């Protein structure tokens, strides 16, 4: 069980970063769609 803690901490950071990037992309997409919608 040696080295489990650093790995899980690293995986947690990777998950948070990945989720953060996904959230930013999702928000950007929603903003883009709303802007396109207002043009009509």
PDB file of N, CA and C in Angstrom:
ATOM      1  N   UNK A   1       0.842  -1.220   0.000  1.00  0.00           N
ATOM      2  CA  UNK A   1       0.000   0.000   0.000  1.00  0.00           C
ATOM      3  C   UNK A   1       0.870   1.261   0.000  1.00  0.00           C
ATOM      4  N   UNK A   2       2.151   1.066  -0.255  1.00  0.00           N
ATOM      5  CA  UNK A   2       3.076   2.205  -0.244  1.00  0.00           C
ATOM      6  C   UNK A   2       2.848   3.100  -1.465  1.00  0.00           C
ATOM      7  N   UNK A   3       2.822   4.407  -1.261  1.00  0.00           N
ATOM      8  CA  UNK A   3       2.676   5.353  -2.373  1.00  0.00           C
ATOM      9  C   UNK A   3       1.244   5.522  -2.857  1.00  0.00           C
ATOM     10  N   UNK A   4       0.283   5.061  -2.078  1.00  0.00           N
ATOM     11  CA  UNK A   4      -1.127   5.193  -2.475  1.00  0.00           C
ATOM     12  C   UNK A   4      -1.592   6.640  -2.314  1.00  0.00           C
ATOM     13  N   UNK A   5      -1.179   7.279  -1.231  1.00  0.00           N
ATOM     14  CA  UNK A   5      -1.637   8.643  -0.945  1.00  0.00           C
ATOM     15  C   UNK A   5      -1.220   9.661  -2.016  1.00  0.00           C
ATOM     16  N   UNK A   6       0.067   9.718  -2.420  1.00  0.00           N
ATOM     17  CA  UNK A   6       0.446  10.686  -3.460  1.00  0.00           C
ATOM     18  C   UNK A   6      -0.301  10.450  -4.773  1.00  0.00           C
ATOM     19  N   UNK A   7      -0.505   9.174  -5.111  1.00  0.00           N
ATOM     20  CA  UNK A   7      -1.197   8.833  -6.355  1.00  0.00           C
ATOM     21  C   UNK A   7      -2.646   9.308  -6.316  1.00  0.00           C
ATOM     22  N   UNK A   8      -3.341   9.034  -5.193  1.00  0.00           N
ATOM     23  CA  UNK A   8      -4.739   9.438  -5.076  1.00  0.00           C
ATOM     24  C   UNK A   8      -4.855  10.969  -5.058  1.00  0.00           C
ATOM     25  N   UNK A   9      -3.882  11.633  -4.434  1.00  0.00           N
ATOM     26  CA  UNK A   9      -3.872  13.099  -4.427  1.00  0.00           C
ATOM     27  C   UNK A   9      -3.671  13.620  -5.846  1.00  0.00           C
ATOM     28  N   UNK A  10      -2.741  13.000  -6.574  1.00  0.00           N
ATOM     29  CA  UNK A  10      -2.479  13.384  -7.970  1.00  0.00           C
ATOM     30  C   UNK A  10      -3.712  13.138  -8.830  1.00  0.00           C
ATOM     31  N   UNK A  11      -4.338  11.983  -8.635  1.00  0.00           N
ATOM     32  CA  UNK A  11      -5.552  11.658  -9.395  1.00  0.00           C
ATOM     33  C   UNK A  11      -6.675  12.639  -9.083  1.00  0.00           C
ATOM     34  N   UNK A  12      -6.775  13.044  -7.812  1.00  0.00           N
ATOM     35  CA  UNK A  12      -7.793  14.022  -7.411  1.00  0.00           C
ATOM     36  C   UNK A  12      -7.564  15.350  -8.122  1.00  0.00           C
ATOM     37  N   UNK A  13      -6.292  15.794  -8.163  1.00  0.00           N
ATOM     38  CA  UNK A  13      -5.945  17.046  -8.853  1.00  0.00           C
ATOM     39  C   UNK A  13      -6.278  16.938 -10.339  1.00  0.00           C
ATOM     40  N   UNK A  14      -5.924  15.808 -10.949  1.00  0.00           N
ATOM     41  CA  UNK A  14      -6.202  15.593 -12.374  1.00  0.00           C
ATOM     42  C   UNK A  14      -7.706  15.639 -12.644  1.00  0.00           C
ATOM     43  N   UNK A  15      -8.480  15.016 -11.749  1.00  0.00           N
ATOM     44  CA  UNK A  15      -9.939  14.995 -11.896  1.00  0.00           C
ATOM     45  C   UNK A  15     -10.523  16.401 -11.780  1.00  0.00           C
ATOM     46  N   UNK A  16     -10.045  17.160 -10.787  1.00  0.00           N
ATOM     47  CA  UNK A  16     -10.518  18.538 -10.585  1.00  0.00           C
ATOM     48  C   UNK A  16     -10.176  19.401 -11.800  1.00  0.00           C
ATOM     49  N   UNK A  17      -8.941  19.280 -12.299  1.00  0.00           N
ATOM     50  CA  UNK A  17      -8.516  20.057 -13.471  1.00  0.00           C
ATOM     51  C   UNK A  17      -9.340  19.668 -14.691  1.00  0.00           C
ATOM     52  N   UNK A  18      -9.536  18.365 -14.890  1.00  0.00           N
ATOM     53  CA  UNK A  18     -10.317  17.882 -16.020  1.00  0.00           C
ATOM     54  C   UNK A  18     -11.757  18.371 -15.942  1.00  0.00           C
ATOM     55  N   UNK A  19     -12.345  18.293 -14.752  1.00  0.00           N
ATOM     56  CA  UNK A  19     -13.722  18.745 -14.547  1.00  0.00           C
ATOM     57  C   UNK A  19     -13.823  20.252 -14.745  1.00  0.00           C
ATOM     58  N   UNK A  20     -12.802  20.979 -14.286  1.00  0.00           N
ATOM     59  CA  UNK A  20     -12.763  22.434 -14.447  1.00  0.00           C
ATOM     60  C   UNK A  20     -12.738  22.829 -15.914  1.00  0.00           C
ATOM     61  N   UNK A  21     -11.893  22.156 -16.690  1.00  0.00           N
ATOM     62  CA  UNK A  21     -11.803  22.439 -18.126  1.00  0.00           C
ATOM     63  C   UNK A  21     -13.119  22.108 -18.816  1.00  0.00           C
ATOM     64  N   UNK A  22     -13.749  20.989 -18.416  1.00  0.00           N
ATOM     65  CA  UNK A  22     -15.035  20.582 -18.976  1.00  0.00           C
ATOM     66  C   UNK A  22     -16.113  21.614 -18.661  1.00  0.00           C
ATOM     67  N   UNK A  23     -16.117  22.114 -17.426  1.00  0.00           N
ATOM     68  CA  UNK A  23     -17.091  23.122 -17.002  1.00  0.00           C
ATOM     69  C   UNK A  23     -16.916  24.416 -17.792  1.00  0.00           C
ATOM     70  N   UNK A  24     -15.657  24.851 -17.964  1.00  0.00           N
ATOM     71  CA  UNK A  24     -15.363  26.072 -18.729  1.00  0.00           C
ATOM     72  C   UNK A  24     -15.830  25.908 -20.177  1.00  0.00           C
ATOM     73  N   UNK A  25     -15.558  24.751 -20.772  1.00  0.00           N
ATOM     74  CA  UNK A  25     -15.972  24.486 -22.152  1.00  0.00           C
ATOM     75  C   UNK A  25     -17.494  24.504 -22.265  1.00  0.00           C
ATOM     76  N   UNK A  26     -18.164  23.919 -21.280  1.00  0.00           N
ATOM     77  CA  UNK A  26     -19.626  23.858 -21.275  1.00  0.00           C
ATOM     78  C   UNK A  26     -20.231  25.256 -21.161  1.00  0.00           C
ATOM     79  N   UNK A  27     -19.698  26.080 -20.255  1.00  0.00           N
ATOM     80  CA  UNK A  27     -20.168  27.458 -20.074  1.00  0.00           C
ATOM     81  C   UNK A  27     -19.938  28.267 -21.355  1.00  0.00           C
ATOM     82  N   UNK A  28     -18.764  28.103 -21.962  1.00  0.00           N
ATOM     83  CA  UNK A  28     -18.444  28.813 -23.207  1.00  0.00           C
ATOM     84  C   UNK A  28     -19.432  28.446 -24.305  1.00  0.00           C
ATOM     85  N   UNK A  29     -19.775  27.169 -24.388  1.00  0.00           N
ATOM     86  CA  UNK A  29     -20.726  26.688 -25.391  1.00  0.00           C
ATOM     87  C   UNK A  29     -22.108  27.289 -25.156  1.00  0.00           C
ATOM     88  N   UNK A  30     -22.558  27.314 -23.896  1.00  0.00           N
ATOM     89  CA  UNK A  30     -23.866  27.888 -23.550  1.00  0.00           C
ATOM     90  C   UNK A  30     -23.908  29.374 -23.907  1.00  0.00           C
ATOM     91  N   UNK A  31     -22.843  30.108 -23.568  1.00  0.00           N
ATOM     92  CA  UNK A  31     -22.764  31.541 -23.876  1.00  0.00           C
ATOM     93  C   UNK A  31     -22.827  31.762 -25.385  1.00  0.00           C
ATOM     94  N   UNK A  32     -22.108  30.935 -26.135  1.00  0.00           N
ATOM     95  CA  UNK A  32     -22.090  31.033 -27.596  1.00  0.00           C
ATOM     96  C   UNK A  32     -23.485  30.795 -28.171  1.00  0.00           C
ATOM     97  N   UNK A  33     -24.168  29.773 -27.661  1.00  0.00           N
ATOM     98  CA  UNK A  33     -25.524  29.446 -28.124  1.00  0.00           C
ATOM     99  C   UNK A  33     -26.490  30.585 -27.797  1.00  0.00           C
ATOM    100  N   UNK A  34     -26.390  31.152 -26.603  1.00  0.00           N
ATOM    101  CA  UNK A  34     -27.266  32.256 -26.207  1.00  0.00           C
ATOM    102  C   UNK A  34     -27.032  33.484 -27.085  1.00  0.00           C
ATOM    103  N   UNK A  35     -25.767  33.769 -27.400  1.00  0.00           N
ATOM    104  CA  UNK A  35     -25.445  34.913 -28.265  1.00  0.00           C
ATOM    105  C   UNK A  35     -26.009  34.707 -29.665  1.00  0.00           C
ATOM    106  N   UNK A  36     -25.887  33.478 -30.181  1.00  0.00           N
ATOM    107  CA  UNK A  36     -26.430  33.151 -31.506  1.00  0.00           C
ATOM    108  C   UNK A  36     -27.953  33.273 -31.494  1.00  0.00           C
ATOM    109  N   UNK A  37     -28.566  32.891 -30.382  1.00  0.00           N
ATOM    110  CA  UNK A  37     -30.015  32.924 -30.231  1.00  0.00           C
ATOM    111  C   UNK A  37     -30.530  34.365 -30.249  1.00  0.00           C
ATOM    112  N   UNK A  38     -29.781  35.283 -29.647  1.00  0.00           N
ATOM    113  CA  UNK A  38     -30.197  36.688 -29.578  1.00  0.00           C
ATOM    114  C   UNK A  38     -30.115  37.388 -30.931  1.00  0.00           C
ATOM    115  N   UNK A  39     -29.288  36.866 -31.845  1.00  0.00           N
ATOM    116  CA  UNK A  39     -29.144  37.472 -33.176  1.00  0.00           C
ATOM    117  C   UNK A  39     -30.415  37.324 -34.006  1.00  0.00           C
ATOM    118  N   UNK A  40     -31.186  36.265 -33.745  1.00  0.00           N
ATOM    119  CA  UNK A  40     -32.393  35.990 -34.535  1.00  0.00           C
ATOM    120  C   UNK A  40     -33.497  37.016 -34.286  1.00  0.00           C
TER     121      UNK A  40
END
